[in-house]
PDB file of N, CA and C in Angstrom:
ATOM      1  N   MET A   1     -40.233   1.320  28.481  1.00  0.00           N
ATOM      2  CA  MET A   1     -38.794   1.378  28.275  1.00  0.00           C
ATOM      3  C   MET A   1     -38.320   0.331  27.273  1.00  0.00           C
ATOM      4  N   ALA A   2     -38.861  -0.868  27.379  1.00  0.00           N
ATOM      5  CA  ALA A   2     -38.460  -1.928  26.453  1.00  0.00           C
ATOM      6  C   ALA A   2     -38.805  -1.539  25.025  1.00  0.00           C
ATOM      7  N   SER A   3     -39.955  -0.883  24.873  1.00  0.00           N
ATOM      8  CA  SER A   3     -40.360  -0.441  23.543  1.00  0.00           C
ATOM      9  C   SER A   3     -39.395   0.610  22.990  1.00  0.00           C
ATOM     10  N   GLU A   4     -38.959   1.529  23.855  1.00  0.00           N
ATOM     11  CA  GLU A   4     -38.010   2.558  23.437  1.00  0.00           C
ATOM     12  C   GLU A   4     -36.681   1.927  23.028  1.00  0.00           C
ATOM     13  N   ALA A   5     -36.223   0.949  23.794  1.00  0.00           N
ATOM     14  CA  ALA A   5     -34.977   0.246  23.461  1.00  0.00           C
ATOM     15  C   ALA A   5     -35.117  -0.485  22.136  1.00  0.00           C
ATOM     16  N   ASN A   6     -36.272  -1.092  21.906  1.00  0.00           N
ATOM     17  CA  ASN A   6     -36.509  -1.780  20.637  1.00  0.00           C
ATOM     18  C   ASN A   6     -36.525  -0.797  19.471  1.00  0.00           C
ATOM     19  N   ASP A   7     -37.124   0.379  19.700  1.00  0.00           N
ATOM     20  CA  ASP A   7     -37.145   1.408  18.656  1.00  0.00           C
ATOM     21  C   ASP A   7     -35.733   1.862  18.315  1.00  0.00           C
ATOM     22  N   LEU A   8     -34.900   2.065  19.338  1.00  0.00           N
ATOM     23  CA  LEU A   8     -33.518   2.492  19.109  1.00  0.00           C
ATOM     24  C   LEU A   8     -32.730   1.417  18.379  1.00  0.00           C
ATOM     25  N   GLU A   9     -32.960   0.177  18.745  1.00  0.00           N
ATOM     26  CA  GLU A   9     -32.277  -0.935  18.086  1.00  0.00           C
ATOM     27  C   GLU A   9     -32.711  -1.053  16.629  1.00  0.00           C
ATOM     28  N   ALA A  10     -34.006  -0.875  16.372  1.00  0.00           N
ATOM     29  CA  ALA A  10     -34.515  -0.924  15.001  1.00  0.00           C
ATOM     30  C   ALA A  10     -33.933   0.222  14.172  1.00  0.00           C
ATOM     31  N   GLU A  11     -33.850   1.414  14.773  1.00  0.00           N
ATOM     32  CA  GLU A  11     -33.277   2.573  14.072  1.00  0.00           C
ATOM     33  C   GLU A  11     -31.807   2.326  13.743  1.00  0.00           C
ATOM     34  N   ALA A  12     -31.067   1.786  14.696  1.00  0.00           N
ATOM     35  CA  ALA A  12     -29.649   1.496  14.463  1.00  0.00           C
ATOM     36  C   ALA A  12     -29.484   0.462  13.354  1.00  0.00           C
ATOM     37  N   ALA A  13     -30.350  -0.546  13.328  1.00  0.00           N
ATOM     38  CA  ALA A  13     -30.279  -1.573  12.281  1.00  0.00           C
ATOM     39  C   ALA A  13     -30.567  -0.965  10.911  1.00  0.00           C
ATOM     40  N   GLU A  14     -31.538  -0.066  10.850  1.00  0.00           N
ATOM     41  CA  GLU A  14     -31.859   0.602   9.579  1.00  0.00           C
ATOM     42  C   GLU A  14     -30.698   1.478   9.121  1.00  0.00           C
ATOM     43  N   GLN A  15     -30.097   2.229  10.052  1.00  0.00           N
ATOM     44  CA  GLN A  15     -28.970   3.089   9.697  1.00  0.00           C
ATOM     45  C   GLN A  15     -27.757   2.262   9.268  1.00  0.00           C
ATOM     46  N   TRP A  16     -27.583   1.090   9.860  1.00  0.00           N
ATOM     47  CA  TRP A  16     -26.486   0.202   9.468  1.00  0.00           C
ATOM     48  C   TRP A  16     -26.660  -0.228   8.010  1.00  0.00           C
ATOM     49  N   GLN A  17     -27.891  -0.563   7.632  1.00  0.00           N
ATOM     50  CA  GLN A  17     -28.159  -0.917   6.227  1.00  0.00           C
ATOM     51  C   GLN A  17     -27.848   0.267   5.321  1.00  0.00           C
ATOM     52  N   LEU A  18     -28.243   1.458   5.739  1.00  0.00           N
ATOM     53  CA  LEU A  18     -28.033   2.648   4.908  1.00  0.00           C
ATOM     54  C   LEU A  18     -26.553   2.999   4.771  1.00  0.00           C
ATOM     55  N   VAL A  19     -25.776   2.869   5.839  1.00  0.00           N
ATOM     56  CA  VAL A  19     -24.349   3.195   5.750  1.00  0.00           C
ATOM     57  C   VAL A  19     -23.630   2.180   4.849  1.00  0.00           C
ATOM     58  N   ASN A  20     -24.262   1.055   4.625  1.00  0.00           N
ATOM     59  CA  ASN A  20     -23.715   0.021   3.743  1.00  0.00           C
ATOM     60  C   ASN A  20     -24.373   0.016   2.360  1.00  0.00           C
ATOM     61  N   THR A  21     -25.016   1.118   1.987  1.00  0.00           N
ATOM     62  CA  THR A  21     -25.626   1.228   0.661  1.00  0.00           C
ATOM     63  C   THR A  21     -24.551   0.972  -0.400  1.00  0.00           C
ATOM     64  N   PRO A  22     -24.863   0.120  -1.386  1.00  0.00           N
ATOM     65  CA  PRO A  22     -23.862  -0.209  -2.406  1.00  0.00           C
ATOM     66  C   PRO A  22     -23.342   1.022  -3.152  1.00  0.00           C
ATOM     67  N   LEU A  23     -22.064   0.967  -3.460  1.00  0.00           N
ATOM     68  CA  LEU A  23     -21.428   2.032  -4.235  1.00  0.00           C
ATOM     69  C   LEU A  23     -22.065   2.135  -5.606  1.00  0.00           C
ATOM     70  N   GLY A  24     -22.121   3.357  -6.120  1.00  0.00           N
ATOM     71  CA  GLY A  24     -22.570   3.582  -7.483  1.00  0.00           C
ATOM     72  C   GLY A  24     -24.059   3.798  -7.648  1.00  0.00           C
ATOM     73  N   GLU A  25     -24.855   3.471  -6.650  1.00  0.00           N
ATOM     74  CA  GLU A  25     -26.289   3.717  -6.749  1.00  0.00           C
ATOM     75  C   GLU A  25     -26.545   5.217  -6.645  1.00  0.00           C
ATOM     76  N   MET A  26     -27.551   5.679  -7.369  1.00  0.00           N
ATOM     77  CA  MET A  26     -27.885   7.099  -7.338  1.00  0.00           C
ATOM     78  C   MET A  26     -28.188   7.535  -5.900  1.00  0.00           C
ATOM     79  N   TRP A  27     -27.590   8.623  -5.469  1.00  0.00           N
ATOM     80  CA  TRP A  27     -27.748   9.209  -4.137  1.00  0.00           C
ATOM     81  C   TRP A  27     -27.134   8.356  -3.026  1.00  0.00           C
ATOM     82  N   SER A  28     -26.372   7.336  -3.372  1.00  0.00           N
ATOM     83  CA  SER A  28     -25.826   6.451  -2.341  1.00  0.00           C
ATOM     84  C   SER A  28     -24.807   7.155  -1.448  1.00  0.00           C
ATOM     85  N   GLY A  29     -24.041   8.076  -2.004  1.00  0.00           N
ATOM     86  CA  GLY A  29     -23.080   8.809  -1.191  1.00  0.00           C
ATOM     87  C   GLY A  29     -23.762   9.635  -0.120  1.00  0.00           C
ATOM     88  N   ARG A  30     -24.846  10.294  -0.493  1.00  0.00           N
ATOM     89  CA  ARG A  30     -25.596  11.100   0.470  1.00  0.00           C
ATOM     90  C   ARG A  30     -26.265  10.209   1.516  1.00  0.00           C
ATOM     91  N   THR A  31     -26.747   9.064   1.072  1.00  0.00           N
ATOM     92  CA  THR A  31     -27.383   8.113   1.988  1.00  0.00           C
ATOM     93  C   THR A  31     -26.374   7.621   3.020  1.00  0.00           C
ATOM     94  N   ARG A  32     -25.178   7.262   2.552  1.00  0.00           N
ATOM     95  CA  ARG A  32     -24.140   6.795   3.472  1.00  0.00           C
ATOM     96  C   ARG A  32     -23.735   7.900   4.446  1.00  0.00           C
ATOM     97  N   TYR A  33     -23.648   9.141   3.957  1.00  0.00           N
ATOM     98  CA  TYR A  33     -23.271  10.261   4.819  1.00  0.00           C
ATOM     99  C   TYR A  33     -24.329  10.504   5.902  1.00  0.00           C
ATOM    100  N   ALA A  34     -25.591  10.475   5.524  1.00  0.00           N
ATOM    101  CA  ALA A  34     -26.661  10.671   6.507  1.00  0.00           C
ATOM    102  C   ALA A  34     -26.613   9.588   7.582  1.00  0.00           C
ATOM    103  N   ALA A  35     -26.388   8.356   7.176  1.00  0.00           N
ATOM    104  CA  ALA A  35     -26.292   7.263   8.143  1.00  0.00           C
ATOM    105  C   ALA A  35     -25.035   7.415   9.000  1.00  0.00           C
ATOM    106  N   ALA A  36     -23.944   7.857   8.393  1.00  0.00           N
ATOM    107  CA  ALA A  36     -22.711   8.079   9.154  1.00  0.00           C
ATOM    108  C   ALA A  36     -22.939   9.140  10.229  1.00  0.00           C
ATOM    109  N   MET A  37     -23.697  10.163   9.915  1.00  0.00           N
ATOM    110  CA  MET A  37     -24.022  11.203  10.897  1.00  0.00           C
ATOM    111  C   MET A  37     -24.751  10.595  12.099  1.00  0.00           C
ATOM    112  N   PHE A  38     -25.636   9.651  11.845  1.00  0.00           N
ATOM    113  CA  PHE A  38     -26.339   8.956  12.925  1.00  0.00           C
ATOM    114  C   PHE A  38     -25.331   8.300  13.872  1.00  0.00           C
ATOM    115  N   PHE A  39     -24.363   7.579  13.309  1.00  0.00           N
ATOM    116  CA  PHE A  39     -23.382   6.884  14.136  1.00  0.00           C
ATOM    117  C   PHE A  39     -22.426   7.865  14.830  1.00  0.00           C
ATOM    118  N   PHE A  40     -22.115   8.961  14.157  1.00  0.00           N
ATOM    119  CA  PHE A  40     -21.292   9.997  14.781  1.00  0.00           C
ATOM    120  C   PHE A  40     -22.000  10.584  16.009  1.00  0.00           C
ATOM    121  N   LYS A  41     -23.273  10.908  15.851  1.00  0.00           N
ATOM    122  CA  LYS A  41     -24.036  11.498  16.954  1.00  0.00           C
ATOM    123  C   LYS A  41     -24.157  10.545  18.133  1.00  0.00           C
ATOM    124  N   ARG A  42     -24.104   9.266  17.867  1.00  0.00           N
ATOM    125  CA  ARG A  42     -24.169   8.262  18.947  1.00  0.00           C
ATOM    126  C   ARG A  42     -22.796   8.002  19.566  1.00  0.00           C
ATOM    127  N   GLY A  43     -21.766   8.663  19.040  1.00  0.00           N
ATOM    128  CA  GLY A  43     -20.427   8.483  19.572  1.00  0.00           C
ATOM    129  C   GLY A  43     -19.733   7.235  19.071  1.00  0.00           C
ATOM    130  N   GLU A  44     -20.236   6.677  17.974  1.00  0.00           N
ATOM    131  CA  GLU A  44     -19.695   5.435  17.430  1.00  0.00           C
ATOM    132  C   GLU A  44     -18.746   5.665  16.255  1.00  0.00           C
ATOM    133  N   MET A  45     -18.522   6.926  15.932  1.00  0.00           N
ATOM    134  CA  MET A  45     -17.637   7.297  14.815  1.00  0.00           C
ATOM    135  C   MET A  45     -16.980   8.619  15.175  1.00  0.00           C
ATOM    136  N   ASN A  46     -15.694   8.754  14.844  1.00  0.00           N
ATOM    137  CA  ASN A  46     -15.021  10.021  15.145  1.00  0.00           C
ATOM    138  C   ASN A  46     -15.256  11.051  14.029  1.00  0.00           C
ATOM    139  N   ALA A  47     -14.918  12.298  14.324  1.00  0.00           N
ATOM    140  CA  ALA A  47     -15.172  13.407  13.400  1.00  0.00           C
ATOM    141  C   ALA A  47     -14.392  13.256  12.096  1.00  0.00           C
ATOM    142  N   GLU A  48     -13.181  12.743  12.165  1.00  0.00           N
ATOM    143  CA  GLU A  48     -12.363  12.589  10.957  1.00  0.00           C
ATOM    144  C   GLU A  48     -12.988  11.572  10.004  1.00  0.00           C
ATOM    145  N   THR A  49     -13.551  10.519  10.558  1.00  0.00           N
ATOM    146  CA  THR A  49     -14.218   9.505   9.739  1.00  0.00           C
ATOM    147  C   THR A  49     -15.472  10.085   9.111  1.00  0.00           C
ATOM    148  N   LEU A  50     -16.251  10.815   9.898  1.00  0.00           N
ATOM    149  CA  LEU A  50     -17.452  11.465   9.375  1.00  0.00           C
ATOM    150  C   LEU A  50     -17.097  12.414   8.239  1.00  0.00           C
ATOM    151  N   GLU A  51     -15.997  13.124   8.379  1.00  0.00           N
ATOM    152  CA  GLU A  51     -15.568  14.070   7.339  1.00  0.00           C
ATOM    153  C   GLU A  51     -15.334  13.359   6.011  1.00  0.00           C
ATOM    154  N   VAL A  52     -14.798  12.161   6.048  1.00  0.00           N
ATOM    155  CA  VAL A  52     -14.603  11.402   4.809  1.00  0.00           C
ATOM    156  C   VAL A  52     -15.958  11.096   4.171  1.00  0.00           C
ATOM    157  N   TYR A  53     -16.929  10.694   4.971  1.00  0.00           N
ATOM    158  CA  TYR A  53     -18.270  10.447   4.428  1.00  0.00           C
ATOM    159  C   TYR A  53     -18.862  11.733   3.842  1.00  0.00           C
ATOM    160  N   ARG A  54     -18.580  12.882   4.475  1.00  0.00           N
ATOM    161  CA  ARG A  54     -19.081  14.154   3.947  1.00  0.00           C
ATOM    162  C   ARG A  54     -18.471  14.444   2.580  1.00  0.00           C
ATOM    163  N   ILE A  55     -17.164  14.253   2.484  1.00  0.00           N
ATOM    164  CA  ILE A  55     -16.470  14.485   1.219  1.00  0.00           C
ATOM    165  C   ILE A  55     -17.020  13.568   0.123  1.00  0.00           C
ATOM    166  N   CYS A  56     -17.330  12.343   0.486  1.00  0.00           N
ATOM    167  CA  CYS A  56     -17.811  11.356  -0.490  1.00  0.00           C
ATOM    168  C   CYS A  56     -19.319  11.450  -0.756  1.00  0.00           C
ATOM    169  N   ALA A  57     -20.011  12.348  -0.069  1.00  0.00           N
ATOM    170  CA  ALA A  57     -21.468  12.421  -0.178  1.00  0.00           C
ATOM    171  C   ALA A  57     -21.951  12.638  -1.612  1.00  0.00           C
ATOM    172  N   ARG A  58     -21.201  13.387  -2.398  1.00  0.00           N
ATOM    173  CA  ARG A  58     -21.617  13.655  -3.778  1.00  0.00           C
ATOM    174  C   ARG A  58     -20.916  12.739  -4.771  1.00  0.00           C
ATOM    175  N   LEU A  59     -20.174  11.782  -4.267  1.00  0.00           N
ATOM    176  CA  LEU A  59     -19.409  10.864  -5.115  1.00  0.00           C
ATOM    177  C   LEU A  59     -19.946   9.445  -4.890  1.00  0.00           C
ATOM    178  N   ASP A  60     -21.041   9.133  -5.547  1.00  0.00           N
ATOM    179  CA  ASP A  60     -21.747   7.884  -5.293  1.00  0.00           C
ATOM    180  C   ASP A  60     -20.888   6.635  -5.489  1.00  0.00           C
ATOM    181  N   ALA A  61     -19.906   6.701  -6.368  1.00  0.00           N
ATOM    182  CA  ALA A  61     -19.087   5.519  -6.669  1.00  0.00           C
ATOM    183  C   ALA A  61     -17.821   5.429  -5.817  1.00  0.00           C
ATOM    184  N   GLU A  62     -17.548   6.455  -5.019  1.00  0.00           N
ATOM    185  CA  GLU A  62     -16.322   6.490  -4.220  1.00  0.00           C
ATOM    186  C   GLU A  62     -16.514   5.726  -2.910  1.00  0.00           C
ATOM    187  N   ASN A  63     -15.571   4.854  -2.598  1.00  0.00           N
ATOM    188  CA  ASN A  63     -15.656   4.078  -1.368  1.00  0.00           C
ATOM    189  C   ASN A  63     -15.015   4.864  -0.220  1.00  0.00           C
ATOM    190  N   PRO A  64     -15.824   5.364   0.717  1.00  0.00           N
ATOM    191  CA  PRO A  64     -15.246   6.121   1.825  1.00  0.00           C
ATOM    192  C   PRO A  64     -14.309   5.271   2.686  1.00  0.00           C
ATOM    193  N   LEU A  65     -14.545   3.976   2.738  1.00  0.00           N
ATOM    194  CA  LEU A  65     -13.716   3.115   3.580  1.00  0.00           C
ATOM    195  C   LEU A  65     -12.272   3.087   3.102  1.00  0.00           C
ATOM    196  N   SER A  66     -12.070   3.109   1.794  1.00  0.00           N
ATOM    197  CA  SER A  66     -10.704   3.150   1.255  1.00  0.00           C
ATOM    198  C   SER A  66      -9.986   4.429   1.666  1.00  0.00           C
ATOM    199  N   ILE A  67     -10.708   5.526   1.636  1.00  0.00           N
ATOM    200  CA  ILE A  67     -10.126   6.818   2.007  1.00  0.00           C
ATOM    201  C   ILE A  67      -9.846   6.868   3.505  1.00  0.00           C
ATOM    202  N   ILE A  68     -10.767   6.333   4.293  1.00  0.00           N
ATOM    203  CA  ILE A  68     -10.569   6.269   5.743  1.00  0.00           C
ATOM    204  C   ILE A  68      -9.310   5.459   6.044  1.00  0.00           C
ATOM    205  N   LEU A  69      -9.137   4.356   5.348  1.00  0.00           N
ATOM    206  CA  LEU A  69      -7.950   3.517   5.526  1.00  0.00           C
ATOM    207  C   LEU A  69      -6.694   4.284   5.139  1.00  0.00           C
ATOM    208  N   ASP A  70      -6.724   4.950   3.988  1.00  0.00           N
ATOM    209  CA  ASP A  70      -5.570   5.728   3.526  1.00  0.00           C
ATOM    210  C   ASP A  70      -5.189   6.823   4.518  1.00  0.00           C
ATOM    211  N   ARG A  71      -6.182   7.473   5.090  1.00  0.00           N
ATOM    212  CA  ARG A  71      -5.928   8.564   6.034  1.00  0.00           C
ATOM    213  C   ARG A  71      -5.578   8.058   7.430  1.00  0.00           C
ATOM    214  N   GLY A  72      -5.896   6.804   7.703  1.00  0.00           N
ATOM    215  CA  GLY A  72      -5.618   6.233   9.018  1.00  0.00           C
ATOM    216  C   GLY A  72      -6.405   6.888  10.140  1.00  0.00           C
ATOM    217  N   VAL A  73      -7.650   7.279   9.859  1.00  0.00           N
ATOM    218  CA  VAL A  73      -8.403   8.058  10.840  1.00  0.00           C
ATOM    219  C   VAL A  73      -9.491   7.282  11.575  1.00  0.00           C
ATOM    220  N   GLY A  74      -9.918   6.154  11.080  1.00  0.00           N
ATOM    221  CA  GLY A  74     -11.062   5.468  11.688  1.00  0.00           C
ATOM    222  C   GLY A  74     -10.850   3.973  11.821  1.00  0.00           C
ATOM    223  N   LYS A  75      -9.793   3.599  12.488  1.00  0.00           N
ATOM    224  CA  LYS A  75      -9.470   2.168  12.611  1.00  0.00           C
ATOM    225  C   LYS A  75     -10.603   1.376  13.251  1.00  0.00           C
ATOM    226  N   ASP A  76     -11.218   1.917  14.292  1.00  0.00           N
ATOM    227  CA  ASP A  76     -12.322   1.216  14.950  1.00  0.00           C
ATOM    228  C   ASP A  76     -13.512   1.064  14.003  1.00  0.00           C
ATOM    229  N   TRP A  77     -13.795   2.119  13.250  1.00  0.00           N
ATOM    230  CA  TRP A  77     -14.908   2.068  12.306  1.00  0.00           C
ATOM    231  C   TRP A  77     -14.622   1.044  11.198  1.00  0.00           C
ATOM    232  N   LEU A  78     -13.401   1.039  10.680  1.00  0.00           N
ATOM    233  CA  LEU A  78     -13.042   0.070   9.642  1.00  0.00           C
ATOM    234  C   LEU A  78     -13.201  -1.350  10.153  1.00  0.00           C
ATOM    235  N   LYS A  79     -12.803  -1.574  11.381  1.00  0.00           N
ATOM    236  CA  LYS A  79     -12.931  -2.908  11.967  1.00  0.00           C
ATOM    237  C   LYS A  79     -14.409  -3.291  12.083  1.00  0.00           C
ATOM    238  N   ARG A  80     -15.217  -2.358  12.527  1.00  0.00           N
ATOM    239  CA  ARG A  80     -16.656  -2.620  12.651  1.00  0.00           C
ATOM    240  C   ARG A  80     -17.271  -2.927  11.291  1.00  0.00           C
ATOM    241  N   MET A  81     -16.789  -2.261  10.254  1.00  0.00           N
ATOM    242  CA  MET A  81     -17.316  -2.459   8.905  1.00  0.00           C
ATOM    243  C   MET A  81     -16.713  -3.709   8.246  1.00  0.00           C
ATOM    244  N   GLY A  82     -15.757  -4.349   8.899  1.00  0.00           N
ATOM    245  CA  GLY A  82     -15.119  -5.527   8.326  1.00  0.00           C
ATOM    246  C   GLY A  82     -14.171  -5.175   7.189  1.00  0.00           C
ATOM    247  N   PHE A  83     -13.595  -3.978   7.244  1.00  0.00           N
ATOM    248  CA  PHE A  83     -12.724  -3.453   6.185  1.00  0.00           C
ATOM    249  C   PHE A  83     -11.369  -3.156   6.806  1.00  0.00           C
ATOM    250  N   GLU A  84     -10.489  -4.164   6.753  1.00  0.00           N
ATOM    251  CA  GLU A  84      -9.171  -3.972   7.374  1.00  0.00           C
ATOM    252  C   GLU A  84      -8.074  -4.299   6.415  1.00  0.00           C
TER     253      GLU A  84
END
């Protein structure tokens, strides 16, 4: 069980790095969206926030956090990301 918990923690840490992939890097929008899906499936992100990541998936230079803030849909997620 401890090993399984460690695996889940390691996976979450890796996905956290991916959701924070720098803007403008090739395929970064898709990378952030895939990681956002991970957090959505874990119940750590709402559907409206995930939708913003989906929209931004093909826009590598677009900051989904700015759009989330503008839409007012993911206050908890913005706080977790340190974007308020």
